[in-house]
């Protein structure tokens, strides 16, 4: 994974250079460097792409379980498909614009929007799949339900990892305040989740 995007947070300061940064940096999705009053956070483009692809694969895995797809029903499948399309569009836009290597400032609203759109798509998919699988839980066999929930759990891990990365680079106007961040999943947990969802991390 050698396609980084640099996010320069500027003079307003950067909080979370402690445990939050260390935890997310360990995932390989970001690195942090500081020169004077400028903190540069480098996001690994390949990992962001992996997170997005994992979401798309989660939909495919869940809907490929015939009994689950049938129990979910056409209306819910339609809602999931809309979220799937939105994520696919956001991921394609990001990948096309990123190319191989690109440096941007975090305050660049264009880039922030692209990255946030992928996370938004992932969280929407997670919400829609959770609702659909919960609604179908009494209509399918335990084995089929287990397979669907395994994919859903893996997606949850990926979403948590992605949120952890973006939370760690959030610019805080109140420099004295520490953000209350949840502990992100470990690198091993993320790798396992990506494997479950058929994504081979580079």
C-alpha atoms as a PDB file:
ATOM      1  CA  UNK A   1       0.000   0.000   0.000  1.00  0.00           C
ATOM      2  CA  UNK A   2       2.006   2.893  -1.291  1.00  0.00           C
ATOM      3  CA  UNK A   3      -0.548   5.467  -2.376  1.00  0.00           C
ATOM      4  CA  UNK A   4      -0.576   8.071   0.408  1.00  0.00           C
ATOM      5  CA  UNK A   5      -2.699  11.173   0.712  1.00  0.00           C
ATOM      6  CA  UNK A   6      -1.192  13.880   2.910  1.00  0.00           C
ATOM      7  CA  UNK A   7      -3.521  15.922   5.059  1.00  0.00           C
ATOM      8  CA  UNK A   8      -1.969  19.147   6.378  1.00  0.00           C
ATOM      9  CA  UNK A   9      -3.993  20.408   9.298  1.00  0.00           C
ATOM     10  CA  UNK A  10      -2.465  23.892   9.421  1.00  0.00           C
ATOM     11  CA  UNK A  11      -1.775  26.275  12.293  1.00  0.00           C
ATOM     12  CA  UNK A  12      -4.946  25.640  14.273  1.00  0.00           C
ATOM     13  CA  UNK A  13      -3.280  22.704  15.948  1.00  0.00           C
ATOM     14  CA  UNK A  14      -3.948  19.033  16.105  1.00  0.00           C
ATOM     15  CA  UNK A  15      -5.303  17.102  19.035  1.00  0.00           C
ATOM     16  CA  UNK A  16      -4.994  13.456  19.680  1.00  0.00           C
ATOM     17  CA  UNK A  17      -1.278  13.086  19.030  1.00  0.00           C
ATOM     18  CA  UNK A  18      -1.249  10.693  21.947  1.00  0.00           C
ATOM     19  CA  UNK A  19      -2.943   7.350  22.304  1.00  0.00           C
ATOM     20  CA  UNK A  20      -5.557   7.919  19.596  1.00  0.00           C
ATOM     21  CA  UNK A  21      -2.958   8.642  16.939  1.00  0.00           C
ATOM     22  CA  UNK A  22      -0.714   5.828  18.085  1.00  0.00           C
ATOM     23  CA  UNK A  23      -3.549   3.344  17.891  1.00  0.00           C
ATOM     24  CA  UNK A  24      -4.732   4.333  14.441  1.00  0.00           C
ATOM     25  CA  UNK A  25      -1.242   4.754  13.083  1.00  0.00           C
ATOM     26  CA  UNK A  26      -0.604   1.172  14.093  1.00  0.00           C
ATOM     27  CA  UNK A  27      -3.265   0.150  11.610  1.00  0.00           C
ATOM     28  CA  UNK A  28      -1.097   1.496   8.821  1.00  0.00           C
ATOM     29  CA  UNK A  29      -3.832   3.795   7.549  1.00  0.00           C
ATOM     30  CA  UNK A  30      -2.131   6.977   8.673  1.00  0.00           C
ATOM     31  CA  UNK A  31       1.176   8.393   9.801  1.00  0.00           C
ATOM     32  CA  UNK A  32       1.783  11.688  11.556  1.00  0.00           C
ATOM     33  CA  UNK A  33       4.662  14.148  11.284  1.00  0.00           C
ATOM     34  CA  UNK A  34       5.017  17.661  12.646  1.00  0.00           C
ATOM     35  CA  UNK A  35       7.157  20.569  11.487  1.00  0.00           C
ATOM     36  CA  UNK A  36       6.762  23.725  13.534  1.00  0.00           C
ATOM     37  CA  UNK A  37       3.079  24.583  13.742  1.00  0.00           C
ATOM     38  CA  UNK A  38       2.102  22.340  10.842  1.00  0.00           C
ATOM     39  CA  UNK A  39       1.058  18.760  11.485  1.00  0.00           C
ATOM     40  CA  UNK A  40       0.896  16.505   8.447  1.00  0.00           C
ATOM     41  CA  UNK A  41      -1.224  13.387   8.538  1.00  0.00           C
ATOM     42  CA  UNK A  42      -0.634  10.932   5.710  1.00  0.00           C
ATOM     43  CA  UNK A  43      -3.521   8.659   4.846  1.00  0.00           C
ATOM     44  CA  UNK A  44      -2.802   5.472   2.958  1.00  0.00           C
ATOM     45  CA  UNK A  45      -5.014   5.597  -0.123  1.00  0.00           C
ATOM     46  CA  UNK A  46      -4.856   1.833  -0.637  1.00  0.00           C
ATOM     47  CA  UNK A  47      -6.280   1.219   2.843  1.00  0.00           C
ATOM     48  CA  UNK A  48      -9.102   3.685   2.296  1.00  0.00           C
ATOM     49  CA  UNK A  49      -9.908   1.832  -0.916  1.00  0.00           C
ATOM     50  CA  UNK A  50      -9.806  -1.464   0.984  1.00  0.00           C
ATOM     51  CA  UNK A  51     -12.326  -0.130   3.512  1.00  0.00           C
ATOM     52  CA  UNK A  52     -14.684   0.976   0.761  1.00  0.00           C
ATOM     53  CA  UNK A  53     -14.364  -2.288  -1.138  1.00  0.00           C
ATOM     54  CA  UNK A  54     -15.058  -4.214   2.057  1.00  0.00           C
ATOM     55  CA  UNK A  55     -18.413  -2.462   2.309  1.00  0.00           C
ATOM     56  CA  UNK A  56     -19.339  -3.366  -1.253  1.00  0.00           C
ATOM     57  CA  UNK A  57     -18.278  -6.965  -0.653  1.00  0.00           C
ATOM     58  CA  UNK A  58     -20.359  -7.163   2.525  1.00  0.00           C
ATOM     59  CA  UNK A  59     -23.484  -6.400   0.508  1.00  0.00           C
ATOM     60  CA  UNK A  60     -22.589  -9.026  -2.074  1.00  0.00           C
ATOM     61  CA  UNK A  61     -21.922 -11.637   0.625  1.00  0.00           C
ATOM     62  CA  UNK A  62     -25.171 -11.020   2.502  1.00  0.00           C
ATOM     63  CA  UNK A  63     -27.371 -10.892  -0.592  1.00  0.00           C
ATOM     64  CA  UNK A  64     -25.688 -13.995  -2.025  1.00  0.00           C
ATOM     65  CA  UNK A  65     -27.264 -16.001   0.799  1.00  0.00           C
ATOM     66  CA  UNK A  66     -30.502 -16.801  -1.017  1.00  0.00           C
ATOM     67  CA  UNK A  67     -32.574 -17.441   2.099  1.00  0.00           C
ATOM     68  CA  UNK A  68     -31.440 -14.188   3.694  1.00  0.00           C
ATOM     69  CA  UNK A  69     -32.020 -12.132   0.549  1.00  0.00           C
ATOM     70  CA  UNK A  70     -35.494 -13.628   0.217  1.00  0.00           C
ATOM     71  CA  UNK A  71     -36.345 -13.010   3.875  1.00  0.00           C
ATOM     72  CA  UNK A  72     -35.079  -9.441   3.710  1.00  0.00           C
ATOM     73  CA  UNK A  73     -37.573  -8.718   0.952  1.00  0.00           C
ATOM     74  CA  UNK A  74     -37.526  -6.602  -2.173  1.00  0.00           C
ATOM     75  CA  UNK A  75     -38.083  -3.178  -0.526  1.00  0.00           C
ATOM     76  CA  UNK A  76     -35.184  -3.640   1.911  1.00  0.00           C
ATOM     77  CA  UNK A  77     -32.947  -5.031  -0.819  1.00  0.00           C
ATOM     78  CA  UNK A  78     -33.742  -1.913  -2.826  1.00  0.00           C
ATOM     79  CA  UNK A  79     -32.688   0.339   0.063  1.00  0.00           C
ATOM     80  CA  UNK A  80     -29.456  -1.627   0.487  1.00  0.00           C
ATOM     81  CA  UNK A  81     -28.789  -1.423  -3.249  1.00  0.00           C
ATOM     82  CA  UNK A  82     -29.147   2.367  -3.199  1.00  0.00           C
ATOM     83  CA  UNK A  83     -26.615   2.596  -0.369  1.00  0.00           C
ATOM     84  CA  UNK A  84     -24.349   0.191  -2.228  1.00  0.00           C
ATOM     85  CA  UNK A  85     -24.486   2.373  -5.336  1.00  0.00           C
ATOM     86  CA  UNK A  86     -23.746   5.518  -3.314  1.00  0.00           C
ATOM     87  CA  UNK A  87     -20.683   3.900  -1.738  1.00  0.00           C
ATOM     88  CA  UNK A  88     -19.495   2.576  -5.094  1.00  0.00           C
ATOM     89  CA  UNK A  89     -19.797   6.051  -6.614  1.00  0.00           C
ATOM     90  CA  UNK A  90     -17.920   7.654  -3.712  1.00  0.00           C
ATOM     91  CA  UNK A  91     -15.169   5.041  -3.866  1.00  0.00           C
ATOM     92  CA  UNK A  92     -14.744   5.377  -7.622  1.00  0.00           C
ATOM     93  CA  UNK A  93     -14.602   9.171  -7.346  1.00  0.00           C
ATOM     94  CA  UNK A  94     -11.968   8.976  -4.633  1.00  0.00           C
ATOM     95  CA  UNK A  95      -9.843   6.366  -6.418  1.00  0.00           C
ATOM     96  CA  UNK A  96      -9.949   8.228  -9.729  1.00  0.00           C
ATOM     97  CA  UNK A  97      -9.005  11.536  -8.151  1.00  0.00           C
ATOM     98  CA  UNK A  98      -6.291  10.030  -5.943  1.00  0.00           C
ATOM     99  CA  UNK A  99      -4.427   8.290  -8.727  1.00  0.00           C
ATOM    100  CA  UNK A 100      -1.191   6.804  -7.428  1.00  0.00           C
ATOM    101  CA  UNK A 101       0.105   9.420  -4.998  1.00  0.00           C
ATOM    102  CA  UNK A 102      -1.480  12.717  -4.004  1.00  0.00           C
ATOM    103  CA  UNK A 103      -0.827  15.345  -1.344  1.00  0.00           C
ATOM    104  CA  UNK A 104      -3.716  17.465  -0.129  1.00  0.00           C
ATOM    105  CA  UNK A 105      -4.527  19.720   2.797  1.00  0.00           C
ATOM    106  CA  UNK A 106      -7.112  18.484   5.244  1.00  0.00           C
ATOM    107  CA  UNK A 107      -8.898  21.822   4.981  1.00  0.00           C
ATOM    108  CA  UNK A 108      -9.420  21.225   1.263  1.00  0.00           C
ATOM    109  CA  UNK A 109     -13.187  20.716   1.288  1.00  0.00           C
ATOM    110  CA  UNK A 110     -13.082  18.767  -1.967  1.00  0.00           C
ATOM    111  CA  UNK A 111     -10.837  16.061  -0.508  1.00  0.00           C
ATOM    112  CA  UNK A 112     -12.509  16.046   2.869  1.00  0.00           C
ATOM    113  CA  UNK A 113     -15.836  15.497   1.130  1.00  0.00           C
ATOM    114  CA  UNK A 114     -14.473  12.589  -0.905  1.00  0.00           C
ATOM    115  CA  UNK A 115     -13.089  10.793   2.135  1.00  0.00           C
ATOM    116  CA  UNK A 116     -16.123  11.528   4.300  1.00  0.00           C
ATOM    117  CA  UNK A 117     -18.418  10.278   1.536  1.00  0.00           C
ATOM    118  CA  UNK A 118     -16.803   6.842   1.676  1.00  0.00           C
ATOM    119  CA  UNK A 119     -17.265   6.651   5.446  1.00  0.00           C
ATOM    120  CA  UNK A 120     -20.830   7.900   5.118  1.00  0.00           C
ATOM    121  CA  UNK A 121     -21.553   5.233   2.536  1.00  0.00           C
ATOM    122  CA  UNK A 122     -20.062   2.549   4.762  1.00  0.00           C
ATOM    123  CA  UNK A 123     -22.045   3.588   7.822  1.00  0.00           C
ATOM    124  CA  UNK A 124     -25.263   3.777   5.821  1.00  0.00           C
ATOM    125  CA  UNK A 125     -24.657   0.290   4.463  1.00  0.00           C
ATOM    126  CA  UNK A 126     -23.935  -0.994   7.952  1.00  0.00           C
ATOM    127  CA  UNK A 127     -27.169   0.519   9.264  1.00  0.00           C
ATOM    128  CA  UNK A 128     -29.263  -0.810   6.374  1.00  0.00           C
ATOM    129  CA  UNK A 129     -27.768  -4.298   6.535  1.00  0.00           C
ATOM    130  CA  UNK A 130     -28.201  -4.436  10.306  1.00  0.00           C
ATOM    131  CA  UNK A 131     -31.877  -3.493  10.040  1.00  0.00           C
ATOM    132  CA  UNK A 132     -32.468  -5.948   7.216  1.00  0.00           C
ATOM    133  CA  UNK A 133     -30.727  -8.887   8.869  1.00  0.00           C
ATOM    134  CA  UNK A 134     -32.438  -8.197  12.196  1.00  0.00           C
ATOM    135  CA  UNK A 135     -35.806  -8.136  10.448  1.00  0.00           C
ATOM    136  CA  UNK A 136     -35.084 -11.424   8.689  1.00  0.00           C
ATOM    137  CA  UNK A 137     -33.582 -13.175  11.712  1.00  0.00           C
ATOM    138  CA  UNK A 138     -36.695 -15.215  12.551  1.00  0.00           C
ATOM    139  CA  UNK A 139     -37.243 -16.302   8.949  1.00  0.00           C
ATOM    140  CA  UNK A 140     -33.957 -18.007   8.114  1.00  0.00           C
ATOM    141  CA  UNK A 141     -31.934 -20.918   9.419  1.00  0.00           C
ATOM    142  CA  UNK A 142     -29.362 -20.369  12.131  1.00  0.00           C
ATOM    143  CA  UNK A 143     -26.555 -21.275   9.715  1.00  0.00           C
ATOM    144  CA  UNK A 144     -27.637 -18.690   7.134  1.00  0.00           C
ATOM    145  CA  UNK A 145     -28.163 -16.099   9.847  1.00  0.00           C
ATOM    146  CA  UNK A 146     -24.716 -16.836  11.266  1.00  0.00           C
ATOM    147  CA  UNK A 147     -23.099 -16.313   7.869  1.00  0.00           C
ATOM    148  CA  UNK A 148     -24.901 -13.011   7.388  1.00  0.00           C
ATOM    149  CA  UNK A 149     -23.964 -11.825  10.869  1.00  0.00           C
ATOM    150  CA  UNK A 150     -20.325 -12.782  10.290  1.00  0.00           C
ATOM    151  CA  UNK A 151     -20.222 -10.479   7.267  1.00  0.00           C
ATOM    152  CA  UNK A 152     -22.034  -7.758   9.225  1.00  0.00           C
ATOM    153  CA  UNK A 153     -19.615  -8.058  12.143  1.00  0.00           C
ATOM    154  CA  UNK A 154     -16.636  -7.795   9.804  1.00  0.00           C
ATOM    155  CA  UNK A 155     -18.159  -4.682   8.237  1.00  0.00           C
ATOM    156  CA  UNK A 156     -18.593  -3.202  11.710  1.00  0.00           C
ATOM    157  CA  UNK A 157     -14.891  -3.719  12.401  1.00  0.00           C
ATOM    158  CA  UNK A 158     -13.957  -1.984   9.147  1.00  0.00           C
ATOM    159  CA  UNK A 159     -16.268   0.945   9.874  1.00  0.00           C
ATOM    160  CA  UNK A 160     -14.785   1.288  13.372  1.00  0.00           C
ATOM    161  CA  UNK A 161     -11.265   1.273  11.942  1.00  0.00           C
ATOM    162  CA  UNK A 162     -12.132   3.920   9.372  1.00  0.00           C
ATOM    163  CA  UNK A 163     -13.835   6.115  11.988  1.00  0.00           C
ATOM    164  CA  UNK A 164     -10.783   5.736  14.195  1.00  0.00           C
ATOM    165  CA  UNK A 165      -8.524   6.983  11.423  1.00  0.00           C
ATOM    166  CA  UNK A 166     -10.668  10.014  10.650  1.00  0.00           C
ATOM    167  CA  UNK A 167     -11.243  10.823  14.323  1.00  0.00           C
ATOM    168  CA  UNK A 168      -7.499  10.833  14.838  1.00  0.00           C
ATOM    169  CA  UNK A 169      -6.951  13.496  12.182  1.00  0.00           C
ATOM    170  CA  UNK A 170      -9.865  15.732  13.155  1.00  0.00           C
ATOM    171  CA  UNK A 171      -8.763  19.300  13.747  1.00  0.00           C
ATOM    172  CA  UNK A 172      -9.900  20.613  17.124  1.00  0.00           C
ATOM    173  CA  UNK A 173     -10.402  24.349  17.555  1.00  0.00           C
ATOM    174  CA  UNK A 174     -10.144  24.005  21.335  1.00  0.00           C
ATOM    175  CA  UNK A 175      -6.550  22.858  21.663  1.00  0.00           C
ATOM    176  CA  UNK A 176      -6.906  22.182  25.384  1.00  0.00           C
ATOM    177  CA  UNK A 177      -9.698  19.639  24.994  1.00  0.00           C
ATOM    178  CA  UNK A 178      -9.027  15.962  24.458  1.00  0.00           C
ATOM    179  CA  UNK A 179     -11.549  14.145  22.333  1.00  0.00           C
ATOM    180  CA  UNK A 180     -13.187  11.121  23.896  1.00  0.00           C
ATOM    181  CA  UNK A 181     -12.357   8.499  21.333  1.00  0.00           C
ATOM    182  CA  UNK A 182     -13.281   4.856  21.346  1.00  0.00           C
ATOM    183  CA  UNK A 183     -10.452   2.389  21.035  1.00  0.00           C
ATOM    184  CA  UNK A 184     -10.166   1.340  17.378  1.00  0.00           C
ATOM    185  CA  UNK A 185      -9.885  -2.327  16.430  1.00  0.00           C
ATOM    186  CA  UNK A 186      -6.409  -3.801  16.306  1.00  0.00           C
ATOM    187  CA  UNK A 187      -4.499  -4.286  13.069  1.00  0.00           C
ATOM    188  CA  UNK A 188      -5.070  -8.041  13.345  1.00  0.00           C
ATOM    189  CA  UNK A 189      -8.819  -7.546  13.791  1.00  0.00           C
ATOM    190  CA  UNK A 190      -8.992  -5.268  10.764  1.00  0.00           C
ATOM    191  CA  UNK A 191      -7.000  -7.692   8.630  1.00  0.00           C
ATOM    192  CA  UNK A 192      -9.264 -10.542   9.683  1.00  0.00           C
ATOM    193  CA  UNK A 193     -12.375  -8.488   8.895  1.00  0.00           C
ATOM    194  CA  UNK A 194     -11.030  -7.594   5.448  1.00  0.00           C
ATOM    195  CA  UNK A 195     -10.246 -11.252   4.821  1.00  0.00           C
ATOM    196  CA  UNK A 196     -13.793 -12.266   5.793  1.00  0.00           C
ATOM    197  CA  UNK A 197     -15.078  -9.696   3.303  1.00  0.00           C
ATOM    198  CA  UNK A 198     -12.805 -10.912   0.534  1.00  0.00           C
ATOM    199  CA  UNK A 199     -10.428  -7.951   0.500  1.00  0.00           C
ATOM    200  CA  UNK A 200      -6.730  -8.774   0.241  1.00  0.00           C
ATOM    201  CA  UNK A 201      -4.864  -5.873   1.785  1.00  0.00           C
ATOM    202  CA  UNK A 202      -1.832  -4.804  -0.184  1.00  0.00           C
END
